[in-house]
Amino acid sequence: MSLIDQVEAALDTIRPYLEADGGNVSIEEITPENVVKLKLLGSCGSCPMSIMTLKAGIEQAIKRAVPEITSIEAINLTDIDDPNAVLPENLR
């Protein structure tokens, strides 16, 4: 199984939780240094808690399933202090 397939399988374990909040995630790239670059989709892309989702959920799931991954980055992370950030309806 390729690295990208392994990372997708890891993401599939947490996608139901992301989708429950109206969000999702897609793999943009896995660099030669084994850095996974993700794009946060739907409400995850504008949520001020997306850094927590990335660190506590997505990163843990990937690193547990695919230990050769060195780090995980989101290309469109919303800053927790962004005045335009929007919490998903069910988290308000």
N, C-alpha and C. Protein backbone atom coordinates (compact mmCIF):
# COMPACT_ATOMS: atom_id res chain seq x y z
N MET A 1 0.85 -1.18 0.00
CA MET A 1 0.00 0.00 0.00
C MET A 1 0.90 1.25 0.00
N SER A 2 0.60 2.20 -0.86
CA SER A 2 1.41 3.41 -0.96
C SER A 2 1.21 4.29 0.28
N LEU A 3 2.14 5.21 0.47
CA LEU A 3 2.06 6.14 1.59
C LEU A 3 0.76 6.94 1.55
N ILE A 4 0.40 7.40 0.36
CA ILE A 4 -0.82 8.21 0.24
C ILE A 4 -2.06 7.37 0.60
N ASP A 5 -2.06 6.09 0.21
CA ASP A 5 -3.18 5.21 0.57
C ASP A 5 -3.25 5.00 2.08
N GLN A 6 -2.09 4.85 2.70
CA GLN A 6 -2.04 4.67 4.16
C GLN A 6 -2.57 5.90 4.88
N VAL A 7 -2.18 7.09 4.39
CA VAL A 7 -2.65 8.33 5.01
C VAL A 7 -4.15 8.49 4.79
N GLU A 8 -4.64 8.18 3.59
CA GLU A 8 -6.08 8.24 3.31
C GLU A 8 -6.84 7.32 4.25
N ALA A 9 -6.33 6.11 4.46
CA ALA A 9 -6.99 5.15 5.36
C ALA A 9 -7.05 5.71 6.78
N ALA A 10 -5.97 6.36 7.22
CA ALA A 10 -5.96 6.98 8.55
C ALA A 10 -6.99 8.10 8.62
N LEU A 11 -7.06 8.92 7.57
CA LEU A 11 -8.03 10.02 7.55
C LEU A 11 -9.46 9.49 7.56
N ASP A 12 -9.68 8.34 6.90
CA ASP A 12 -11.03 7.76 6.87
C ASP A 12 -11.53 7.40 8.27
N THR A 13 -10.60 7.17 9.21
CA THR A 13 -11.03 6.82 10.57
C THR A 13 -11.59 8.03 11.31
N ILE A 14 -11.20 9.24 10.90
CA ILE A 14 -11.70 10.44 11.59
C ILE A 14 -12.66 11.26 10.74
N ARG A 15 -12.80 10.92 9.47
CA ARG A 15 -13.70 11.70 8.60
C ARG A 15 -15.13 11.78 9.13
N PRO A 16 -15.68 10.71 9.70
CA PRO A 16 -17.06 10.86 10.20
C PRO A 16 -17.22 11.97 11.22
N TYR A 17 -16.19 12.21 12.03
CA TYR A 17 -16.25 13.27 13.04
C TYR A 17 -16.17 14.64 12.37
N LEU A 18 -15.31 14.76 11.36
CA LEU A 18 -15.20 16.02 10.63
C LEU A 18 -16.51 16.31 9.90
N GLU A 19 -17.05 15.28 9.24
CA GLU A 19 -18.28 15.45 8.47
C GLU A 19 -19.47 15.79 9.37
N ALA A 20 -19.46 15.30 10.61
CA ALA A 20 -20.54 15.61 11.54
C ALA A 20 -20.60 17.10 11.83
N ASP A 21 -19.45 17.78 11.71
CA ASP A 21 -19.38 19.23 11.92
C ASP A 21 -19.39 20.00 10.60
N GLY A 22 -19.69 19.31 9.49
CA GLY A 22 -19.77 19.98 8.20
C GLY A 22 -18.42 20.20 7.53
N GLY A 23 -17.40 19.48 7.96
CA GLY A 23 -16.07 19.66 7.40
C GLY A 23 -15.51 18.39 6.78
N ASN A 24 -14.31 18.48 6.28
CA ASN A 24 -13.59 17.34 5.73
C ASN A 24 -12.15 17.79 5.52
N VAL A 25 -11.35 16.91 4.95
CA VAL A 25 -9.94 17.20 4.74
C VAL A 25 -9.50 16.45 3.49
N SER A 26 -8.59 17.05 2.72
CA SER A 26 -8.03 16.35 1.56
C SER A 26 -6.52 16.47 1.58
N ILE A 27 -5.86 15.44 1.05
CA ILE A 27 -4.40 15.45 0.95
C ILE A 27 -4.01 16.26 -0.27
N GLU A 28 -3.20 17.28 -0.07
CA GLU A 28 -2.70 18.07 -1.18
C GLU A 28 -1.40 17.48 -1.71
N GLU A 29 -0.56 16.99 -0.78
CA GLU A 29 0.77 16.54 -1.17
C GLU A 29 1.41 15.79 0.00
N ILE A 30 2.26 14.83 -0.33
CA ILE A 30 3.18 14.26 0.65
C ILE A 30 4.57 14.53 0.09
N THR A 31 5.34 15.33 0.81
CA THR A 31 6.65 15.76 0.31
C THR A 31 7.65 14.61 0.39
N PRO A 32 8.80 14.74 -0.28
CA PRO A 32 9.86 13.72 -0.17
C PRO A 32 10.35 13.53 1.26
N GLU A 33 10.14 14.55 2.12
CA GLU A 33 10.54 14.45 3.53
C GLU A 33 9.43 13.82 4.38
N ASN A 34 8.39 13.31 3.72
CA ASN A 34 7.24 12.69 4.39
C ASN A 34 6.43 13.67 5.25
N VAL A 35 6.32 14.90 4.75
CA VAL A 35 5.43 15.88 5.36
C VAL A 35 4.10 15.83 4.60
N VAL A 36 3.02 15.62 5.33
CA VAL A 36 1.69 15.59 4.72
C VAL A 36 1.14 17.01 4.71
N LYS A 37 0.76 17.50 3.52
CA LYS A 37 0.13 18.81 3.40
C LYS A 37 -1.35 18.57 3.11
N LEU A 38 -2.18 19.10 3.99
CA LEU A 38 -3.62 18.89 3.92
C LEU A 38 -4.34 20.19 3.62
N LYS A 39 -5.52 20.04 3.03
CA LYS A 39 -6.42 21.18 2.86
C LYS A 39 -7.66 20.89 3.70
N LEU A 40 -8.00 21.85 4.55
CA LEU A 40 -9.21 21.72 5.36
C LEU A 40 -10.40 22.19 4.53
N LEU A 41 -11.44 21.38 4.50
CA LEU A 41 -12.59 21.63 3.64
C LEU A 41 -13.84 21.94 4.46
N GLY A 42 -14.82 22.58 3.81
CA GLY A 42 -16.09 22.88 4.46
C GLY A 42 -15.88 23.74 5.69
N SER A 43 -16.61 23.42 6.76
CA SER A 43 -16.52 24.25 7.96
C SER A 43 -15.15 24.17 8.62
N CYS A 44 -14.39 23.09 8.36
CA CYS A 44 -13.03 23.00 8.94
C CYS A 44 -12.13 24.11 8.42
N GLY A 45 -12.38 24.57 7.20
CA GLY A 45 -11.55 25.60 6.59
C GLY A 45 -11.73 26.98 7.19
N SER A 46 -12.85 27.19 7.91
CA SER A 46 -13.11 28.52 8.48
C SER A 46 -13.31 28.48 9.99
N CYS A 47 -13.11 27.32 10.60
CA CYS A 47 -13.36 27.17 12.03
C CYS A 47 -12.17 27.63 12.86
N PRO A 48 -12.39 28.45 13.89
CA PRO A 48 -11.28 28.91 14.72
C PRO A 48 -10.64 27.77 15.54
N MET A 49 -11.33 26.65 15.66
CA MET A 49 -10.80 25.51 16.40
C MET A 49 -10.07 24.52 15.48
N SER A 50 -9.87 24.90 14.23
CA SER A 50 -9.26 23.97 13.27
C SER A 50 -7.85 23.56 13.66
N ILE A 51 -7.12 24.43 14.37
CA ILE A 51 -5.78 24.05 14.82
C ILE A 51 -5.87 22.90 15.82
N MET A 52 -6.90 22.92 16.67
CA MET A 52 -7.10 21.83 17.63
C MET A 52 -7.49 20.54 16.90
N THR A 53 -8.36 20.66 15.93
CA THR A 53 -8.76 19.50 15.13
C THR A 53 -7.55 18.89 14.44
N LEU A 54 -6.71 19.76 13.88
CA LEU A 54 -5.52 19.30 13.17
C LEU A 54 -4.57 18.58 14.12
N LYS A 55 -4.26 19.22 15.24
CA LYS A 55 -3.26 18.67 16.17
C LYS A 55 -3.79 17.46 16.94
N ALA A 56 -4.99 17.59 17.51
CA ALA A 56 -5.49 16.55 18.41
C ALA A 56 -6.11 15.38 17.66
N GLY A 57 -6.71 15.64 16.50
CA GLY A 57 -7.40 14.57 15.79
C GLY A 57 -6.66 14.06 14.59
N ILE A 58 -6.49 14.91 13.60
CA ILE A 58 -5.93 14.51 12.32
C ILE A 58 -4.48 14.04 12.47
N GLU A 59 -3.66 14.85 13.15
CA GLU A 59 -2.24 14.52 13.28
C GLU A 59 -2.05 13.21 14.05
N GLN A 60 -2.79 13.04 15.13
CA GLN A 60 -2.66 11.81 15.92
C GLN A 60 -3.06 10.58 15.11
N ALA A 61 -4.15 10.68 14.36
CA ALA A 61 -4.62 9.54 13.57
C ALA A 61 -3.59 9.14 12.51
N ILE A 62 -3.02 10.14 11.84
CA ILE A 62 -2.04 9.85 10.78
C ILE A 62 -0.77 9.27 11.39
N LYS A 63 -0.23 9.92 12.42
CA LYS A 63 1.04 9.46 12.99
C LYS A 63 0.92 8.07 13.63
N ARG A 64 -0.24 7.76 14.18
CA ARG A 64 -0.45 6.44 14.77
C ARG A 64 -0.47 5.37 13.68
N ALA A 65 -1.12 5.68 12.56
CA ALA A 65 -1.27 4.69 11.49
C ALA A 65 -0.07 4.63 10.55
N VAL A 66 0.63 5.77 10.36
CA VAL A 66 1.73 5.85 9.40
C VAL A 66 2.93 6.53 10.09
N PRO A 67 3.69 5.75 10.88
CA PRO A 67 4.76 6.35 11.69
C PRO A 67 5.87 7.02 10.90
N GLU A 68 6.02 6.68 9.62
CA GLU A 68 7.09 7.31 8.83
C GLU A 68 6.78 8.76 8.44
N ILE A 69 5.54 9.21 8.64
CA ILE A 69 5.19 10.61 8.39
C ILE A 69 5.88 11.47 9.46
N THR A 70 6.59 12.51 9.01
CA THR A 70 7.35 13.34 9.95
C THR A 70 6.53 14.49 10.53
N SER A 71 5.64 15.08 9.72
CA SER A 71 4.76 16.12 10.25
C SER A 71 3.56 16.31 9.34
N ILE A 72 2.58 17.02 9.87
CA ILE A 72 1.33 17.29 9.16
C ILE A 72 1.10 18.79 9.19
N GLU A 73 0.82 19.37 8.03
CA GLU A 73 0.56 20.80 7.93
C GLU A 73 -0.73 21.01 7.16
N ALA A 74 -1.47 22.04 7.56
CA ALA A 74 -2.65 22.45 6.79
C ALA A 74 -2.27 23.69 6.00
N ILE A 75 -2.59 23.67 4.70
CA ILE A 75 -2.22 24.81 3.85
C ILE A 75 -3.16 26.00 4.04
N ASN A 76 -4.30 25.77 4.70
CA ASN A 76 -5.29 26.84 4.85
C ASN A 76 -5.84 26.91 6.27
N LEU A 77 -4.97 26.83 7.23
CA LEU A 77 -5.39 26.85 8.63
C LEU A 77 -5.94 28.22 9.00
N THR A 78 -7.10 28.24 9.68
CA THR A 78 -7.69 29.48 10.16
C THR A 78 -7.11 29.80 11.53
N ASP A 79 -6.62 31.00 11.71
CA ASP A 79 -6.08 31.41 13.00
C ASP A 79 -7.20 31.49 14.03
N ILE A 80 -6.91 31.07 15.24
CA ILE A 80 -7.92 31.06 16.31
C ILE A 80 -8.44 32.46 16.62
N ASP A 81 -7.65 33.49 16.32
CA ASP A 81 -8.07 34.88 16.57
C ASP A 81 -8.64 35.58 15.33
N ASP A 82 -8.80 34.84 14.23
CA ASP A 82 -9.32 35.43 12.99
C ASP A 82 -10.75 35.94 13.22
N PRO A 83 -11.00 37.23 13.00
CA PRO A 83 -12.35 37.76 13.22
C PRO A 83 -13.39 37.19 12.25
N ASN A 84 -12.92 36.61 11.14
CA ASN A 84 -13.85 36.02 10.18
C ASN A 84 -14.08 34.53 10.41
N ALA A 85 -13.43 33.97 11.40
CA ALA A 85 -13.58 32.54 11.68
C ALA A 85 -15.02 32.26 12.13
N VAL A 86 -15.53 31.10 11.74
CA VAL A 86 -16.91 30.74 12.03
C VAL A 86 -16.95 29.34 12.63
N LEU A 87 -17.53 29.22 13.82
CA LEU A 87 -17.72 27.89 14.41
C LEU A 87 -18.88 27.18 13.70
N PRO A 88 -18.75 25.88 13.46
CA PRO A 88 -19.89 25.14 12.88
C PRO A 88 -21.12 25.29 13.77
N GLU A 89 -22.28 25.25 13.15
CA GLU A 89 -23.57 25.48 13.82
C GLU A 89 -23.70 24.64 15.11
N ASN A 90 -23.33 23.36 15.05
CA ASN A 90 -23.56 22.49 16.20
C ASN A 90 -22.54 22.69 17.31
N LEU A 91 -21.55 23.55 17.12
CA LEU A 91 -20.56 23.82 18.17
C LEU A 91 -20.76 25.18 18.84
N ARG A 92 -21.75 25.92 18.38
CA ARG A 92 -21.97 27.27 18.92
C ARG A 92 -22.67 27.20 20.26
